[in-house]
Amino acid sequence: MSTILLIIFLIVTLALIGVILVQRSEGGGLGIGSSQGMGNFMGGRGTANLLTRTTAILGTIFFVMALSLALLHRGASQQGRSILDAAPPAATAPAVPALPAVPTN
């Protein structure tokens, strides 16, 4: 179940990225610095745009699915799965070849 939701979440994420990149830039970062200010940002012309509505719908689906996946996996942590919780494996020292004895005169 969670695998299917995760795949749908990935598809929605990619679609949201694509829709945002297709939109025409209005410039000025949400109208900041222009004489209209934020009044035109939520005007009738801006919300009627198909891409704007698609972005809002995909964004809503994205947040709902992110919350549902987080709630689905809440408390589902498995014991001993973290590398920090597990004891380190017993390491054996590699065999070092003995050096030949040097004769002393």
PDB file of N, CA and C in Angstrom:
ATOM      1  N   MET A   1       0.820  -1.192   0.000  1.00  0.00           N
ATOM      2  CA  MET A   1       0.000   0.000   0.000  1.00  0.00           C
ATOM      3  C   MET A   1       0.866   1.260   0.000  1.00  0.00           C
ATOM      4  N   SER A   2       1.865   1.274   0.876  1.00  0.00           N
ATOM      5  CA  SER A   2       2.697   2.470   0.953  1.00  0.00           C
ATOM      6  C   SER A   2       3.565   2.629  -0.287  1.00  0.00           C
ATOM      7  N   THR A   3       3.910   1.526  -0.933  1.00  0.00           N
ATOM      8  CA  THR A   3       4.700   1.615  -2.164  1.00  0.00           C
ATOM      9  C   THR A   3       3.889   2.276  -3.274  1.00  0.00           C
ATOM     10  N   ILE A   4       2.624   1.931  -3.372  1.00  0.00           N
ATOM     11  CA  ILE A   4       1.747   2.546  -4.377  1.00  0.00           C
ATOM     12  C   ILE A   4       1.582   4.025  -4.092  1.00  0.00           C
ATOM     13  N   LEU A   5       1.356   4.378  -2.824  1.00  0.00           N
ATOM     14  CA  LEU A   5       1.225   5.790  -2.463  1.00  0.00           C
ATOM     15  C   LEU A   5       2.516   6.559  -2.733  1.00  0.00           C
ATOM     16  N   LEU A   6       3.642   5.920  -2.499  1.00  0.00           N
ATOM     17  CA  LEU A   6       4.928   6.574  -2.738  1.00  0.00           C
ATOM     18  C   LEU A   6       5.161   6.810  -4.233  1.00  0.00           C
ATOM     19  N   ILE A   7       4.756   5.863  -5.073  1.00  0.00           N
ATOM     20  CA  ILE A   7       4.890   6.033  -6.520  1.00  0.00           C
ATOM     21  C   ILE A   7       3.968   7.142  -7.021  1.00  0.00           C
ATOM     22  N   ILE A   8       2.728   7.180  -6.518  1.00  0.00           N
ATOM     23  CA  ILE A   8       1.794   8.254  -6.891  1.00  0.00           C
ATOM     24  C   ILE A   8       2.327   9.598  -6.411  1.00  0.00           C
ATOM     25  N   PHE A   9       2.900   9.616  -5.212  1.00  0.00           N
ATOM     26  CA  PHE A   9       3.490  10.847  -4.670  1.00  0.00           C
ATOM     27  C   PHE A   9       4.631  11.340  -5.564  1.00  0.00           C
ATOM     28  N   LEU A  10       5.448  10.428  -6.064  1.00  0.00           N
ATOM     29  CA  LEU A  10       6.537  10.791  -6.964  1.00  0.00           C
ATOM     30  C   LEU A  10       6.004  11.349  -8.280  1.00  0.00           C
ATOM     31  N   ILE A  11       4.949  10.738  -8.818  1.00  0.00           N
ATOM     32  CA  ILE A  11       4.352  11.228 -10.066  1.00  0.00           C
ATOM     33  C   ILE A  11       3.760  12.621  -9.869  1.00  0.00           C
ATOM     34  N   VAL A  12       3.058  12.828  -8.743  1.00  0.00           N
ATOM     35  CA  VAL A  12       2.486  14.148  -8.456  1.00  0.00           C
ATOM     36  C   VAL A  12       3.591  15.184  -8.301  1.00  0.00           C
ATOM     37  N   THR A  13       4.685  14.800  -7.646  1.00  0.00           N
ATOM     38  CA  THR A  13       5.812  15.719  -7.466  1.00  0.00           C
ATOM     39  C   THR A  13       6.411  16.124  -8.800  1.00  0.00           C
ATOM     40  N   LEU A  14       6.628  15.165  -9.692  1.00  0.00           N
ATOM     41  CA  LEU A  14       7.184  15.475 -11.008  1.00  0.00           C
ATOM     42  C   LEU A  14       6.220  16.320 -11.838  1.00  0.00           C
ATOM     43  N   ALA A  15       4.919  16.034 -11.739  1.00  0.00           N
ATOM     44  CA  ALA A  15       3.926  16.842 -12.462  1.00  0.00           C
ATOM     45  C   ALA A  15       3.899  18.265 -11.930  1.00  0.00           C
ATOM     46  N   LEU A  16       4.007  18.422 -10.622  1.00  0.00           N
ATOM     47  CA  LEU A  16       4.022  19.755 -10.019  1.00  0.00           C
ATOM     48  C   LEU A  16       5.242  20.540 -10.469  1.00  0.00           C
ATOM     49  N   ILE A  17       6.382  19.893 -10.517  1.00  0.00           N
ATOM     50  CA  ILE A  17       7.599  20.556 -11.002  1.00  0.00           C
ATOM     51  C   ILE A  17       7.426  20.977 -12.458  1.00  0.00           C
ATOM     52  N   GLY A  18       6.878  20.091 -13.274  1.00  0.00           N
ATOM     53  CA  GLY A  18       6.668  20.411 -14.683  1.00  0.00           C
ATOM     54  C   GLY A  18       5.711  21.563 -14.893  1.00  0.00           C
ATOM     55  N   VAL A  19       4.599  21.578 -14.157  1.00  0.00           N
ATOM     56  CA  VAL A  19       3.614  22.654 -14.305  1.00  0.00           C
ATOM     57  C   VAL A  19       4.199  23.984 -13.858  1.00  0.00           C
ATOM     58  N   ILE A  20       4.973  23.972 -12.805  1.00  0.00           N
ATOM     59  CA  ILE A  20       5.588  25.223 -12.329  1.00  0.00           C
ATOM     60  C   ILE A  20       6.602  25.733 -13.346  1.00  0.00           C
ATOM     61  N   LEU A  21       7.367  24.847 -13.949  1.00  0.00           N
ATOM     62  CA  LEU A  21       8.370  25.286 -14.917  1.00  0.00           C
ATOM     63  C   LEU A  21       7.750  25.770 -16.230  1.00  0.00           C
ATOM     64  N   VAL A  22       6.554  25.291 -16.567  1.00  0.00           N
ATOM     65  CA  VAL A  22       5.898  25.702 -17.806  1.00  0.00           C
ATOM     66  C   VAL A  22       5.305  27.110 -17.680  1.00  0.00           C
ATOM     67  N   GLN A  23       4.955  27.523 -16.485  1.00  0.00           N
ATOM     68  CA  GLN A  23       4.290  28.813 -16.298  1.00  0.00           C
ATOM     69  C   GLN A  23       5.180  29.965 -16.739  1.00  0.00           C
ATOM     70  N   ARG A  24       4.527  30.990 -17.276  1.00  0.00           N
ATOM     71  CA  ARG A  24       5.227  32.185 -17.717  1.00  0.00           C
ATOM     72  C   ARG A  24       5.563  33.027 -16.504  1.00  0.00           C
ATOM     73  N   SER A  25       6.782  33.502 -16.471  1.00  0.00           N
ATOM     74  CA  SER A  25       7.217  34.324 -15.353  1.00  0.00           C
ATOM     75  C   SER A  25       6.625  35.720 -15.483  1.00  0.00           C
ATOM     76  N   GLU A  26       6.034  36.208 -14.421  1.00  0.00           N
ATOM     77  CA  GLU A  26       5.473  37.558 -14.415  1.00  0.00           C
ATOM     78  C   GLU A  26       6.541  38.585 -14.088  1.00  0.00           C
ATOM     79  N   GLY A  27       7.642  38.148 -13.520  1.00  0.00           N
ATOM     80  CA  GLY A  27       8.720  39.063 -13.171  1.00  0.00           C
ATOM     81  C   GLY A  27       8.410  39.806 -11.894  1.00  0.00           C
ATOM     82  N   GLY A  28       9.424  40.213 -11.193  1.00  0.00           N
ATOM     83  CA  GLY A  28       9.238  41.002  -9.994  1.00  0.00           C
ATOM     84  C   GLY A  28       8.922  40.204  -8.759  1.00  0.00           C
ATOM     85  N   GLY A  29       8.905  38.906  -8.813  1.00  0.00           N
ATOM     86  CA  GLY A  29       8.681  38.090  -7.622  1.00  0.00           C
ATOM     87  C   GLY A  29       7.370  38.375  -6.926  1.00  0.00           C
ATOM     88  N   LEU A  30       6.265  37.893  -7.443  1.00  0.00           N
ATOM     89  CA  LEU A  30       4.919  38.066  -6.886  1.00  0.00           C
ATOM     90  C   LEU A  30       4.484  39.523  -6.869  1.00  0.00           C
ATOM     91  N   GLY A  31       4.960  40.288  -7.782  1.00  0.00           N
ATOM     92  CA  GLY A  31       4.520  41.672  -7.888  1.00  0.00           C
ATOM     93  C   GLY A  31       5.235  42.631  -6.970  1.00  0.00           C
ATOM     94  N   ILE A  32       6.257  42.180  -6.287  1.00  0.00           N
ATOM     95  CA  ILE A  32       6.985  43.051  -5.382  1.00  0.00           C
ATOM     96  C   ILE A  32       7.783  44.052  -6.209  1.00  0.00           C
ATOM     97  N   GLY A  33       7.678  45.303  -5.883  1.00  0.00           N
ATOM     98  CA  GLY A  33       8.409  46.334  -6.592  1.00  0.00           C
ATOM     99  C   GLY A  33       7.602  46.989  -7.697  1.00  0.00           C
ATOM    100  N   SER A  34       6.432  46.475  -7.996  1.00  0.00           N
ATOM    101  CA  SER A  34       5.602  47.107  -9.010  1.00  0.00           C
ATOM    102  C   SER A  34       4.558  47.989  -8.340  1.00  0.00           C
ATOM    103  N   SER A  35       3.877  48.772  -9.140  1.00  0.00           N
ATOM    104  CA  SER A  35       2.894  49.691  -8.565  1.00  0.00           C
ATOM    105  C   SER A  35       1.623  48.978  -8.123  1.00  0.00           C
ATOM    106  N   GLN A  36       1.356  47.785  -8.683  1.00  0.00           N
ATOM    107  CA  GLN A  36       0.134  47.074  -8.298  1.00  0.00           C
ATOM    108  C   GLN A  36       0.267  46.384  -6.950  1.00  0.00           C
ATOM    109  N   GLY A  37       1.455  46.018  -6.565  1.00  0.00           N
ATOM    110  CA  GLY A  37       1.659  45.323  -5.294  1.00  0.00           C
ATOM    111  C   GLY A  37       1.034  43.940  -5.323  1.00  0.00           C
ATOM    112  N   MET A  38       0.473  43.527  -4.191  1.00  0.00           N
ATOM    113  CA  MET A  38      -0.118  42.200  -4.090  1.00  0.00           C
ATOM    114  C   MET A  38      -1.587  42.190  -4.493  1.00  0.00           C
ATOM    115  N   GLY A  39      -2.140  43.316  -4.847  1.00  0.00           N
ATOM    116  CA  GLY A  39      -3.554  43.370  -5.203  1.00  0.00           C
ATOM    117  C   GLY A  39      -3.882  42.561  -6.433  1.00  0.00           C
ATOM    118  N   ASN A  40      -3.007  42.511  -7.389  1.00  0.00           N
ATOM    119  CA  ASN A  40      -3.255  41.787  -8.611  1.00  0.00           C
ATOM    120  C   ASN A  40      -2.862  40.322  -8.503  1.00  0.00           C
ATOM    121  N   PHE A  41      -2.179  39.941  -7.448  1.00  0.00           N
ATOM    122  CA  PHE A  41      -1.709  38.555  -7.307  1.00  0.00           C
ATOM    123  C   PHE A  41      -2.865  37.581  -7.192  1.00  0.00           C
ATOM    124  N   MET A  42      -3.881  37.907  -6.417  1.00  0.00           N
ATOM    125  CA  MET A  42      -5.019  37.019  -6.243  1.00  0.00           C
ATOM    126  C   MET A  42      -6.247  37.550  -6.975  1.00  0.00           C
ATOM    127  N   GLY A  43      -6.046  38.282  -8.031  1.00  0.00           N
ATOM    128  CA  GLY A  43      -7.161  38.822  -8.800  1.00  0.00           C
ATOM    129  C   GLY A  43      -7.865  37.743  -9.595  1.00  0.00           C
ATOM    130  N   GLY A  44      -8.966  38.110 -10.222  1.00  0.00           N
ATOM    131  CA  GLY A  44      -9.752  37.157 -10.992  1.00  0.00           C
ATOM    132  C   GLY A  44      -8.989  36.606 -12.176  1.00  0.00           C
ATOM    133  N   ARG A  45      -8.165  37.415 -12.800  1.00  0.00           N
ATOM    134  CA  ARG A  45      -7.415  36.970 -13.963  1.00  0.00           C
ATOM    135  C   ARG A  45      -6.355  35.937 -13.578  1.00  0.00           C
ATOM    136  N   GLY A  46      -5.729  36.103 -12.408  1.00  0.00           N
ATOM    137  CA  GLY A  46      -4.669  35.181 -11.996  1.00  0.00           C
ATOM    138  C   GLY A  46      -5.189  33.817 -11.596  1.00  0.00           C
ATOM    139  N   THR A  47      -6.342  33.755 -10.916  1.00  0.00           N
ATOM    140  CA  THR A  47      -6.849  32.461 -10.463  1.00  0.00           C
ATOM    141  C   THR A  47      -7.588  31.718 -11.550  1.00  0.00           C
ATOM    142  N   ALA A  48      -7.997  32.400 -12.599  1.00  0.00           N
ATOM    143  CA  ALA A  48      -8.729  31.733 -13.672  1.00  0.00           C
ATOM    144  C   ALA A  48      -7.804  30.998 -14.621  1.00  0.00           C
ATOM    145  N   ASN A  49      -6.534  31.252 -14.535  1.00  0.00           N
ATOM    146  CA  ASN A  49      -5.580  30.615 -15.423  1.00  0.00           C
ATOM    147  C   ASN A  49      -5.531  29.110 -15.154  1.00  0.00           C
ATOM    148  N   LEU A  50      -5.502  28.333 -16.227  1.00  0.00           N
ATOM    149  CA  LEU A  50      -5.496  26.875 -16.100  1.00  0.00           C
ATOM    150  C   LEU A  50      -4.251  26.369 -15.373  1.00  0.00           C
ATOM    151  N   LEU A  51      -3.106  26.935 -15.680  1.00  0.00           N
ATOM    152  CA  LEU A  51      -1.883  26.484 -15.024  1.00  0.00           C
ATOM    153  C   LEU A  51      -1.877  26.826 -13.542  1.00  0.00           C
ATOM    154  N   THR A  52      -2.456  27.962 -13.189  1.00  0.00           N
ATOM    155  CA  THR A  52      -2.522  28.339 -11.783  1.00  0.00           C
ATOM    156  C   THR A  52      -3.418  27.384 -11.010  1.00  0.00           C
ATOM    157  N   ARG A  53      -4.549  27.040 -11.608  1.00  0.00           N
ATOM    158  CA  ARG A  53      -5.456  26.087 -10.944  1.00  0.00           C
ATOM    159  C   ARG A  53      -4.817  24.703 -10.848  1.00  0.00           C
ATOM    160  N   THR A  54      -4.138  24.301 -11.909  1.00  0.00           N
ATOM    161  CA  THR A  54      -3.464  22.999 -11.882  1.00  0.00           C
ATOM    162  C   THR A  54      -2.379  22.963 -10.816  1.00  0.00           C
ATOM    163  N   THR A  55      -1.659  24.058 -10.687  1.00  0.00           N
ATOM    164  CA  THR A  55      -0.624  24.136  -9.654  1.00  0.00           C
ATOM    165  C   THR A  55      -1.239  24.041  -8.260  1.00  0.00           C
ATOM    166  N   ALA A  56      -2.345  24.721  -8.059  1.00  0.00           N
ATOM    167  CA  ALA A  56      -3.009  24.675  -6.747  1.00  0.00           C
ATOM    168  C   ALA A  56      -3.522  23.274  -6.429  1.00  0.00           C
ATOM    169  N   ILE A  57      -4.091  22.618  -7.422  1.00  0.00           N
ATOM    170  CA  ILE A  57      -4.619  21.266  -7.199  1.00  0.00           C
ATOM    171  C   ILE A  57      -3.483  20.286  -6.923  1.00  0.00           C
ATOM    172  N   LEU A  58      -2.434  20.351  -7.743  1.00  0.00           N
ATOM    173  CA  LEU A  58      -1.298  19.448  -7.528  1.00  0.00           C
ATOM    174  C   LEU A  58      -0.590  19.739  -6.206  1.00  0.00           C
ATOM    175  N   GLY A  59      -0.516  21.013  -5.836  1.00  0.00           N
ATOM    176  CA  GLY A  59       0.088  21.362  -4.555  1.00  0.00           C
ATOM    177  C   GLY A  59      -0.706  20.815  -3.384  1.00  0.00           C
ATOM    178  N   THR A  60      -2.025  20.895  -3.482  1.00  0.00           N
ATOM    179  CA  THR A  60      -2.885  20.357  -2.427  1.00  0.00           C
ATOM    180  C   THR A  60      -2.732  18.837  -2.328  1.00  0.00           C
ATOM    181  N   ILE A  61      -2.736  18.173  -3.482  1.00  0.00           N
ATOM    182  CA  ILE A  61      -2.541  16.716  -3.487  1.00  0.00           C
ATOM    183  C   ILE A  61      -1.178  16.361  -2.905  1.00  0.00           C
ATOM    184  N   PHE A  62      -0.149  17.152  -3.240  1.00  0.00           N
ATOM    185  CA  PHE A  62       1.196  16.914  -2.729  1.00  0.00           C
ATOM    186  C   PHE A  62       1.228  16.967  -1.203  1.00  0.00           C
ATOM    187  N   PHE A  63       0.638  18.019  -0.621  1.00  0.00           N
ATOM    188  CA  PHE A  63       0.662  18.157   0.833  1.00  0.00           C
ATOM    189  C   PHE A  63      -0.181  17.096   1.522  1.00  0.00           C
ATOM    190  N   VAL A  64      -1.337  16.763   0.955  1.00  0.00           N
ATOM    191  CA  VAL A  64      -2.188  15.736   1.558  1.00  0.00           C
ATOM    192  C   VAL A  64      -1.485  14.382   1.533  1.00  0.00           C
ATOM    193  N   MET A  65      -0.842  14.063   0.401  1.00  0.00           N
ATOM    194  CA  MET A  65      -0.144  12.783   0.322  1.00  0.00           C
ATOM    195  C   MET A  65       1.087  12.749   1.223  1.00  0.00           C
ATOM    196  N   ALA A  66       1.790  13.877   1.344  1.00  0.00           N
ATOM    197  CA  ALA A  66       2.951  13.919   2.238  1.00  0.00           C
ATOM    198  C   ALA A  66       2.519  13.685   3.681  1.00  0.00           C
ATOM    199  N   LEU A  67       1.424  14.319   4.093  1.00  0.00           N
ATOM    200  CA  LEU A  67       0.919  14.109   5.455  1.00  0.00           C
ATOM    201  C   LEU A  67       0.419  12.685   5.656  1.00  0.00           C
ATOM    202  N   SER A  68      -0.262  12.134   4.648  1.00  0.00           N
ATOM    203  CA  SER A  68      -0.773  10.771   4.801  1.00  0.00           C
ATOM    204  C   SER A  68       0.361   9.750   4.856  1.00  0.00           C
ATOM    205  N   LEU A  69       1.413   9.959   4.061  1.00  0.00           N
ATOM    206  CA  LEU A  69       2.556   9.048   4.139  1.00  0.00           C
ATOM    207  C   LEU A  69       3.274   9.175   5.485  1.00  0.00           C
ATOM    208  N   ALA A  70       3.351  10.380   6.003  1.00  0.00           N
ATOM    209  CA  ALA A  70       3.987  10.573   7.310  1.00  0.00           C
ATOM    210  C   ALA A  70       3.165   9.916   8.414  1.00  0.00           C
ATOM    211  N   LEU A  71       1.852  10.035   8.341  1.00  0.00           N
ATOM    212  CA  LEU A  71       0.995   9.408   9.351  1.00  0.00           C
ATOM    213  C   LEU A  71       0.957   7.890   9.198  1.00  0.00           C
ATOM    214  N   LEU A  72       1.079   7.426   7.969  1.00  0.00           N
ATOM    215  CA  LEU A  72       1.062   5.983   7.726  1.00  0.00           C
ATOM    216  C   LEU A  72       2.295   5.313   8.317  1.00  0.00           C
ATOM    217  N   HIS A  73       3.418   6.000   8.276  1.00  0.00           N
ATOM    218  CA  HIS A  73       4.664   5.428   8.788  1.00  0.00           C
ATOM    219  C   HIS A  73       5.027   5.933  10.176  1.00  0.00           C
ATOM    220  N   ARG A  74       4.106   6.555  10.846  1.00  0.00           N
ATOM    221  CA  ARG A  74       4.355   7.043  12.203  1.00  0.00           C
ATOM    222  C   ARG A  74       4.449   5.847  13.145  1.00  0.00           C
ATOM    223  N   GLY A  75       5.531   5.791  13.883  1.00  0.00           N
ATOM    224  CA  GLY A  75       5.703   4.716  14.855  1.00  0.00           C
ATOM    225  C   GLY A  75       6.045   3.383  14.231  1.00  0.00           C
ATOM    226  N   ALA A  76       6.364   3.358  12.944  1.00  0.00           N
ATOM    227  CA  ALA A  76       6.668   2.093  12.270  1.00  0.00           C
ATOM    228  C   ALA A  76       8.160   1.837  12.206  1.00  0.00           C
ATOM    229  N   SER A  77       8.919   2.505  13.066  1.00  0.00           N
ATOM    230  CA  SER A  77      10.367   2.281  13.029  1.00  0.00           C
ATOM    231  C   SER A  77      10.659   0.880  13.555  1.00  0.00           C
ATOM    232  N   GLN A  78      11.576   0.215  12.909  1.00  0.00           N
ATOM    233  CA  GLN A  78      11.908  -1.154  13.273  1.00  0.00           C
ATOM    234  C   GLN A  78      13.150  -1.149  14.149  1.00  0.00           C
ATOM    235  N   GLN A  79      13.132  -1.966  15.169  1.00  0.00           N
ATOM    236  CA  GLN A  79      14.231  -2.029  16.111  1.00  0.00           C
ATOM    237  C   GLN A  79      15.457  -2.610  15.435  1.00  0.00           C
ATOM    238  N   GLY A  80      16.595  -2.007  15.708  1.00  0.00           N
ATOM    239  CA  GLY A  80      17.841  -2.536  15.212  1.00  0.00           C
ATOM    240  C   GLY A  80      18.128  -2.216  13.756  1.00  0.00           C
ATOM    241  N   ARG A  81      17.334  -1.379  13.133  1.00  0.00           N
ATOM    242  CA  ARG A  81      17.552  -1.063  11.729  1.00  0.00           C
ATOM    243  C   ARG A  81      18.558   0.062  11.537  1.00  0.00           C
ATOM    244  N   SER A  82      18.816   0.828  12.583  1.00  0.00           N
ATOM    245  CA  SER A  82      19.745   1.939  12.461  1.00  0.00           C
ATOM    246  C   SER A  82      21.169   1.442  12.657  1.00  0.00           C
ATOM    247  N   ILE A  83      22.089   1.981  11.885  1.00  0.00           N
ATOM    248  CA  ILE A  83      23.480   1.562  12.049  1.00  0.00           C
ATOM    249  C   ILE A  83      24.064   2.131  13.337  1.00  0.00           C
ATOM    250  N   LEU A  84      23.440   3.164  13.881  1.00  0.00           N
ATOM    251  CA  LEU A  84      23.927   3.730  15.133  1.00  0.00           C
ATOM    252  C   LEU A  84      23.480   2.902  16.334  1.00  0.00           C
ATOM    253  N   ASP A  85      22.346   2.194  16.197  1.00  0.00           N
ATOM    254  CA  ASP A  85      21.845   1.379  17.295  1.00  0.00           C
ATOM    255  C   ASP A  85      22.524   0.013  17.366  1.00  0.00           C
ATOM    256  N   ALA A  86      22.986  -0.497  16.250  1.00  0.00           N
ATOM    257  CA  ALA A  86      23.562  -1.832  16.210  1.00  0.00           C
ATOM    258  C   ALA A  86      25.006  -1.801  16.708  1.00  0.00           C
ATOM    259  N   ALA A  87      25.407  -2.895  17.315  1.00  0.00           N
ATOM    260  CA  ALA A  87      26.791  -3.013  17.775  1.00  0.00           C
ATOM    261  C   ALA A  87      27.695  -3.215  16.565  1.00  0.00           C
ATOM    262  N   PRO A  88      28.894  -2.673  16.607  1.00  0.00           N
ATOM    263  CA  PRO A  88      29.801  -2.866  15.464  1.00  0.00           C
ATOM    264  C   PRO A  88      30.217  -4.331  15.355  1.00  0.00           C
ATOM    265  N   PRO A  89      30.391  -4.816  14.139  1.00  0.00           N
ATOM    266  CA  PRO A  89      30.793  -6.222  13.989  1.00  0.00           C
ATOM    267  C   PRO A  89      32.219  -6.418  14.489  1.00  0.00           C
ATOM    268  N   ALA A  90      32.457  -7.614  14.987  1.00  0.00           N
ATOM    269  CA  ALA A  90      33.799  -7.930  15.487  1.00  0.00           C
ATOM    270  C   ALA A  90      34.747  -8.011  14.308  1.00  0.00           C
ATOM    271  N   ALA A  91      35.730  -7.150  14.313  1.00  0.00           N
ATOM    272  CA  ALA A  91      36.688  -7.118  13.212  1.00  0.00           C
ATOM    273  C   ALA A  91      37.907  -7.939  13.577  1.00  0.00           C
ATOM    274  N   THR A  92      38.391  -8.658  12.623  1.00  0.00           N
ATOM    275  CA  THR A  92      39.614  -9.419  12.832  1.00  0.00           C
ATOM    276  C   THR A  92      40.752  -8.658  12.169  1.00  0.00           C
ATOM    277  N   ALA A  93      41.882  -8.684  12.832  1.00  0.00           N
ATOM    278  CA  ALA A  93      43.043  -7.984  12.290  1.00  0.00           C
ATOM    279  C   ALA A  93      43.592  -8.776  11.116  1.00  0.00           C
ATOM    280  N   PRO A  94      43.973  -8.078  10.046  1.00  0.00           N
ATOM    281  CA  PRO A  94      44.524  -8.811   8.901  1.00  0.00           C
ATOM    282  C   PRO A  94      45.879  -9.413   9.270  1.00  0.00           C
ATOM    283  N   ALA A  95      46.150 -10.538   8.673  1.00  0.00           N
ATOM    284  CA  ALA A  95      47.416 -11.222   8.946  1.00  0.00           C
ATOM    285  C   ALA A  95      48.553 -10.415   8.341  1.00  0.00           C
ATOM    286  N   VAL A  96      49.541 -10.068   9.176  1.00  0.00           N
ATOM    287  CA  VAL A  96      50.703  -9.315   8.727  1.00  0.00           C
ATOM    288  C   VAL A  96      51.844 -10.298   8.564  1.00  0.00           C
ATOM    289  N   PRO A  97      52.450 -10.326   7.372  1.00  0.00           N
ATOM    290  CA  PRO A  97      53.555 -11.285   7.206  1.00  0.00           C
ATOM    291  C   PRO A  97      54.740 -10.866   8.069  1.00  0.00           C
ATOM    292  N   ALA A  98      55.354 -11.851   8.671  1.00  0.00           N
ATOM    293  CA  ALA A  98      56.507 -11.588   9.540  1.00  0.00           C
ATOM    294  C   ALA A  98      57.711 -11.164   8.691  1.00  0.00           C
ATOM    295  N   LEU A  99      58.445 -10.193   9.192  1.00  0.00           N
ATOM    296  CA  LEU A  99      59.633  -9.746   8.486  1.00  0.00           C
ATOM    297  C   LEU A  99      60.763 -10.749   8.743  1.00  0.00           C
ATOM    298  N   PRO A 100      61.617 -10.947   7.764  1.00  0.00           N
ATOM    299  CA  PRO A 100      62.732 -11.895   7.982  1.00  0.00           C
ATOM    300  C   PRO A 100      63.674 -11.334   9.042  1.00  0.00           C
ATOM    301  N   ALA A 101      64.222 -12.237   9.788  1.00  0.00           N
ATOM    302  CA  ALA A 101      65.142 -11.829  10.867  1.00  0.00           C
ATOM    303  C   ALA A 101      66.427 -11.309  10.244  1.00  0.00           C
ATOM    304  N   VAL A 102      66.887 -10.205  10.770  1.00  0.00           N
ATOM    305  CA  VAL A 102      68.142  -9.602  10.287  1.00  0.00           C
ATOM    306  C   VAL A 102      69.271 -10.088  11.189  1.00  0.00           C
ATOM    307  N   PRO A 103      70.327 -10.737  10.612  1.00  0.00           N
ATOM    308  CA  PRO A 103      71.414 -11.222  11.451  1.00  0.00           C
ATOM    309  C   PRO A 103      72.245 -10.050  11.986  1.00  0.00           C
ATOM    310  N   THR A 104      72.590 -10.125  13.228  1.00  0.00           N
ATOM    311  CA  THR A 104      73.407  -9.079  13.853  1.00  0.00           C
ATOM    312  C   THR A 104      74.856  -9.578  13.916  1.00  0.00           C
ATOM    313  N   ASN A 105      75.822  -8.825  13.569  1.00  0.00           N
ATOM    314  CA  ASN A 105      77.227  -9.208  13.598  1.00  0.00           C
ATOM    315  C   ASN A 105      77.932  -8.609  14.738  1.00  0.00           C
TER     316      ASN A 105
END
